[in-house]
N, C-alpha and C. Protein backbone atom coordinates (compact mmCIF):
# COMPACT_ATOMS: atom_id res chain seq x y z
N MET A 1 -107.75 -85.12 -151.07
CA MET A 1 -107.65 -84.75 -149.68
C MET A 1 -106.98 -85.85 -148.86
N LYS A 2 -107.26 -87.11 -149.22
CA LYS A 2 -106.64 -88.22 -148.50
C LYS A 2 -105.13 -88.22 -148.67
N ILE A 3 -104.66 -87.85 -149.85
CA ILE A 3 -103.22 -87.81 -150.10
C ILE A 3 -102.55 -86.75 -149.24
N ARG A 4 -103.20 -85.61 -149.08
CA ARG A 4 -102.63 -84.56 -148.25
C ARG A 4 -102.55 -84.99 -146.79
N VAL A 5 -103.57 -85.66 -146.30
CA VAL A 5 -103.56 -86.13 -144.92
C VAL A 5 -102.47 -87.17 -144.72
N LEU A 6 -102.36 -88.12 -145.65
CA LEU A 6 -101.32 -89.13 -145.54
C LEU A 6 -99.92 -88.51 -145.61
N THR A 7 -99.75 -87.53 -146.50
CA THR A 7 -98.46 -86.84 -146.60
C THR A 7 -98.14 -86.11 -145.30
N ALA A 8 -99.13 -85.47 -144.71
CA ALA A 8 -98.91 -84.76 -143.45
C ALA A 8 -98.56 -85.73 -142.33
N LEU A 9 -99.20 -86.90 -142.29
CA LEU A 9 -98.88 -87.88 -141.26
C LEU A 9 -97.46 -88.42 -141.42
N VAL A 10 -97.06 -88.68 -142.65
CA VAL A 10 -95.69 -89.15 -142.89
C VAL A 10 -94.69 -88.06 -142.52
N ALA A 11 -94.98 -86.82 -142.89
CA ALA A 11 -94.09 -85.71 -142.57
C ALA A 11 -93.97 -85.53 -141.06
N LEU A 12 -95.07 -85.66 -140.35
CA LEU A 12 -95.02 -85.55 -138.89
C LEU A 12 -94.22 -86.70 -138.27
N ALA A 13 -94.38 -87.90 -138.82
CA ALA A 13 -93.64 -89.04 -138.30
C ALA A 13 -92.14 -88.86 -138.50
N ILE A 14 -91.76 -88.12 -139.52
CA ILE A 14 -90.33 -87.85 -139.75
C ILE A 14 -89.88 -86.63 -138.95
N ALA A 15 -90.71 -85.59 -138.89
CA ALA A 15 -90.30 -84.32 -138.30
C ALA A 15 -90.20 -84.37 -136.78
N ILE A 16 -91.11 -85.05 -136.12
CA ILE A 16 -91.10 -85.05 -134.66
C ILE A 16 -89.82 -85.67 -134.09
N PRO A 17 -89.37 -86.84 -134.56
CA PRO A 17 -88.09 -87.35 -134.03
C PRO A 17 -86.90 -86.46 -134.39
N LEU A 18 -86.93 -85.85 -135.59
CA LEU A 18 -85.82 -84.98 -135.97
C LEU A 18 -85.72 -83.77 -135.06
N VAL A 19 -86.85 -83.18 -134.72
CA VAL A 19 -86.84 -82.03 -133.82
C VAL A 19 -86.45 -82.47 -132.42
N TYR A 20 -86.91 -83.64 -132.01
CA TYR A 20 -86.58 -84.15 -130.67
C TYR A 20 -85.08 -84.40 -130.52
N PHE A 21 -84.50 -85.10 -131.49
CA PHE A 21 -83.07 -85.40 -131.41
C PHE A 21 -82.22 -84.21 -131.81
N GLY A 22 -82.71 -83.42 -132.75
CA GLY A 22 -82.02 -82.19 -133.16
C GLY A 22 -80.61 -82.43 -133.65
N GLY A 23 -79.74 -81.48 -133.35
CA GLY A 23 -78.34 -81.60 -133.71
C GLY A 23 -78.08 -81.67 -135.20
N ILE A 24 -77.17 -82.54 -135.58
CA ILE A 24 -76.74 -82.63 -136.97
C ILE A 24 -77.83 -83.21 -137.86
N TYR A 25 -78.70 -84.06 -137.29
CA TYR A 25 -79.79 -84.63 -138.09
C TYR A 25 -80.73 -83.53 -138.58
N LEU A 26 -81.11 -82.66 -137.68
CA LEU A 26 -82.00 -81.55 -138.04
C LEU A 26 -81.31 -80.60 -139.01
N THR A 27 -80.03 -80.39 -138.82
CA THR A 27 -79.28 -79.50 -139.71
C THR A 27 -79.23 -80.06 -141.13
N ILE A 28 -79.00 -81.35 -141.26
CA ILE A 28 -78.94 -81.95 -142.59
C ILE A 28 -80.30 -81.86 -143.28
N ILE A 29 -81.37 -82.15 -142.56
CA ILE A 29 -82.70 -82.06 -143.15
C ILE A 29 -83.03 -80.63 -143.53
N MET A 30 -82.65 -79.66 -142.70
CA MET A 30 -82.91 -78.25 -143.04
C MET A 30 -82.13 -77.83 -144.28
N ALA A 31 -80.91 -78.33 -144.45
CA ALA A 31 -80.14 -78.01 -145.65
C ALA A 31 -80.80 -78.61 -146.88
N ILE A 32 -81.27 -79.85 -146.76
CA ILE A 32 -81.96 -80.49 -147.90
C ILE A 32 -83.25 -79.75 -148.23
N LEU A 33 -84.01 -79.37 -147.21
CA LEU A 33 -85.26 -78.65 -147.45
C LEU A 33 -85.02 -77.27 -148.06
N SER A 34 -83.93 -76.62 -147.69
CA SER A 34 -83.64 -75.32 -148.29
C SER A 34 -83.31 -75.45 -149.77
N ILE A 35 -82.61 -76.52 -150.15
CA ILE A 35 -82.31 -76.74 -151.57
C ILE A 35 -83.59 -77.09 -152.33
N ILE A 36 -84.48 -77.89 -151.73
CA ILE A 36 -85.74 -78.22 -152.38
C ILE A 36 -86.59 -76.97 -152.57
N ALA A 37 -86.64 -76.12 -151.55
CA ALA A 37 -87.42 -74.88 -151.66
C ALA A 37 -86.86 -73.97 -152.75
N MET A 38 -85.52 -73.90 -152.83
CA MET A 38 -84.92 -73.08 -153.90
C MET A 38 -85.23 -73.65 -155.27
N ALA A 39 -85.22 -74.97 -155.38
CA ALA A 39 -85.55 -75.60 -156.66
C ALA A 39 -86.99 -75.29 -157.05
N GLU A 40 -87.90 -75.29 -156.08
CA GLU A 40 -89.29 -74.94 -156.37
C GLU A 40 -89.40 -73.50 -156.87
N ILE A 41 -88.67 -72.60 -156.25
CA ILE A 41 -88.70 -71.20 -156.69
C ILE A 41 -88.15 -71.07 -158.10
N TYR A 42 -87.06 -71.77 -158.38
CA TYR A 42 -86.48 -71.72 -159.73
C TYR A 42 -87.44 -72.30 -160.76
N MET A 43 -88.17 -73.35 -160.40
CA MET A 43 -89.14 -73.92 -161.34
C MET A 43 -90.32 -72.98 -161.56
N MET A 44 -90.75 -72.26 -160.51
CA MET A 44 -91.83 -71.30 -160.68
C MET A 44 -91.42 -70.16 -161.60
N LYS A 45 -90.16 -69.76 -161.51
CA LYS A 45 -89.66 -68.68 -162.36
C LYS A 45 -89.22 -69.18 -163.73
N LYS A 46 -89.39 -70.50 -163.97
CA LYS A 46 -89.02 -71.13 -165.24
C LYS A 46 -87.54 -70.92 -165.57
N ARG A 47 -86.71 -71.11 -164.58
CA ARG A 47 -85.27 -71.02 -164.76
C ARG A 47 -84.66 -72.40 -164.73
N VAL A 48 -83.47 -72.52 -165.26
CA VAL A 48 -82.79 -73.81 -165.34
C VAL A 48 -82.21 -74.16 -163.98
N LEU A 49 -82.47 -75.41 -163.54
CA LEU A 49 -81.96 -75.83 -162.24
C LEU A 49 -80.46 -76.09 -162.26
N VAL A 50 -79.97 -76.61 -163.36
CA VAL A 50 -78.54 -76.90 -163.46
C VAL A 50 -77.86 -75.69 -164.09
N SER A 51 -77.59 -74.69 -163.25
CA SER A 51 -76.93 -73.48 -163.71
C SER A 51 -75.99 -73.01 -162.61
N VAL A 52 -75.13 -72.10 -162.98
CA VAL A 52 -74.14 -71.61 -162.03
C VAL A 52 -74.81 -70.88 -160.87
N ASP A 53 -75.81 -70.06 -161.16
CA ASP A 53 -76.45 -69.31 -160.08
C ASP A 53 -77.21 -70.21 -159.11
N PHE A 54 -77.83 -71.28 -159.61
CA PHE A 54 -78.51 -72.20 -158.70
C PHE A 54 -77.51 -72.96 -157.84
N ILE A 55 -76.42 -73.40 -158.43
CA ILE A 55 -75.41 -74.13 -157.66
C ILE A 55 -74.80 -73.23 -156.59
N LEU A 56 -74.51 -71.98 -156.93
CA LEU A 56 -73.97 -71.05 -155.93
C LEU A 56 -74.99 -70.77 -154.83
N ALA A 57 -76.25 -70.62 -155.20
CA ALA A 57 -77.29 -70.38 -154.19
C ALA A 57 -77.46 -71.59 -153.29
N ALA A 58 -77.41 -72.79 -153.86
CA ALA A 58 -77.54 -74.01 -153.06
C ALA A 58 -76.36 -74.17 -152.11
N LEU A 59 -75.16 -73.91 -152.60
CA LEU A 59 -73.98 -73.99 -151.73
C LEU A 59 -74.04 -72.95 -150.61
N SER A 60 -74.55 -71.77 -150.93
CA SER A 60 -74.69 -70.74 -149.90
C SER A 60 -75.70 -71.15 -148.84
N ALA A 61 -76.82 -71.70 -149.27
CA ALA A 61 -77.84 -72.13 -148.31
C ALA A 61 -77.33 -73.25 -147.42
N VAL A 62 -76.64 -74.21 -148.01
CA VAL A 62 -76.10 -75.32 -147.23
C VAL A 62 -75.02 -74.82 -146.27
N SER A 63 -74.17 -73.93 -146.75
CA SER A 63 -73.11 -73.44 -145.87
C SER A 63 -73.68 -72.63 -144.72
N LEU A 64 -74.74 -71.86 -144.96
CA LEU A 64 -75.35 -71.10 -143.86
C LEU A 64 -75.95 -72.02 -142.82
N THR A 65 -76.61 -73.09 -143.23
CA THR A 65 -77.22 -73.97 -142.24
C THR A 65 -76.18 -74.83 -141.54
N VAL A 66 -75.24 -75.37 -142.27
CA VAL A 66 -74.26 -76.28 -141.66
C VAL A 66 -73.27 -75.52 -140.79
N PHE A 67 -72.74 -74.41 -141.27
CA PHE A 67 -71.77 -73.67 -140.48
C PHE A 67 -72.40 -73.02 -139.27
N ASP A 68 -73.68 -72.70 -139.34
CA ASP A 68 -74.37 -72.18 -138.18
C ASP A 68 -74.45 -73.25 -137.09
N GLN A 69 -74.70 -74.49 -137.50
CA GLN A 69 -74.73 -75.59 -136.53
C GLN A 69 -73.34 -75.83 -135.93
N LEU A 70 -72.32 -75.76 -136.75
CA LEU A 70 -70.97 -76.00 -136.27
C LEU A 70 -70.49 -74.89 -135.34
N ALA A 71 -71.00 -73.68 -135.53
CA ALA A 71 -70.57 -72.54 -134.71
C ALA A 71 -71.40 -72.40 -133.43
N ASP A 72 -72.33 -73.33 -133.20
CA ASP A 72 -73.13 -73.36 -131.97
C ASP A 72 -74.06 -72.17 -131.81
N GLY A 73 -74.80 -71.82 -132.81
CA GLY A 73 -75.79 -70.79 -132.63
C GLY A 73 -75.99 -69.92 -133.84
N PRO A 74 -77.05 -69.13 -133.81
CA PRO A 74 -77.37 -68.30 -134.97
C PRO A 74 -76.34 -67.19 -135.16
N LEU A 75 -75.67 -67.28 -136.25
CA LEU A 75 -74.69 -66.27 -136.67
C LEU A 75 -73.59 -66.03 -135.64
N SER A 76 -73.34 -67.01 -134.79
CA SER A 76 -72.29 -66.81 -133.79
C SER A 76 -70.91 -66.83 -134.41
N SER A 77 -70.80 -67.42 -135.62
CA SER A 77 -69.49 -67.40 -136.28
C SER A 77 -69.10 -65.96 -136.63
N ILE A 78 -70.07 -65.16 -137.05
CA ILE A 78 -69.77 -63.76 -137.36
C ILE A 78 -69.44 -63.00 -136.07
N LEU A 79 -70.22 -63.29 -135.01
CA LEU A 79 -69.96 -62.61 -133.75
C LEU A 79 -68.59 -63.00 -133.19
N THR A 80 -68.24 -64.26 -133.33
CA THR A 80 -66.93 -64.70 -132.85
C THR A 80 -65.82 -64.05 -133.65
N PHE A 81 -66.00 -63.95 -134.96
CA PHE A 81 -64.99 -63.31 -135.80
C PHE A 81 -64.85 -61.84 -135.43
N ASN A 82 -65.97 -61.14 -135.20
CA ASN A 82 -65.89 -59.74 -134.79
C ASN A 82 -65.25 -59.61 -133.42
N GLY A 83 -65.55 -60.56 -132.53
CA GLY A 83 -64.91 -60.53 -131.23
C GLY A 83 -63.42 -60.75 -131.33
N PHE A 84 -63.00 -61.59 -132.25
CA PHE A 84 -61.57 -61.83 -132.48
C PHE A 84 -60.89 -60.56 -132.97
N ILE A 85 -61.54 -59.87 -133.91
CA ILE A 85 -60.97 -58.62 -134.43
C ILE A 85 -60.88 -57.59 -133.31
N THR A 86 -61.91 -57.53 -132.47
CA THR A 86 -61.89 -56.57 -131.36
C THR A 86 -60.76 -56.89 -130.39
N ARG A 87 -60.54 -58.18 -130.10
CA ARG A 87 -59.47 -58.55 -129.19
C ARG A 87 -58.11 -58.26 -129.80
N VAL A 88 -57.96 -58.44 -131.08
CA VAL A 88 -56.68 -58.18 -131.74
C VAL A 88 -56.38 -56.68 -131.71
N ASN A 89 -57.40 -55.84 -131.89
CA ASN A 89 -57.19 -54.41 -131.89
C ASN A 89 -56.80 -53.89 -130.52
N TYR A 90 -57.27 -54.53 -129.45
CA TYR A 90 -56.94 -54.07 -128.11
C TYR A 90 -55.57 -54.51 -127.63
N CYS A 91 -54.99 -55.50 -128.30
CA CYS A 91 -53.68 -56.01 -127.87
C CYS A 91 -52.56 -55.03 -128.10
């Protein structure tokens, strides 16, 4: 139980400044956490971590988190692309 409490305190000490400062720092940590979570799922299913499907899934997860940050909002890159297509069709 002491280990869990200490782990939670360390996680809070890391998480609170990351959420406060946000931006690219939070995005990088979220990308790393998504890869760790996927690795945990692969280990539960007893699958090989170094495989093509894991690498593709990890790249997809990282690209979704990083490109979402670069596009300034949730899925705004898709909305912007659709808006571009709509503007091109009206021209």
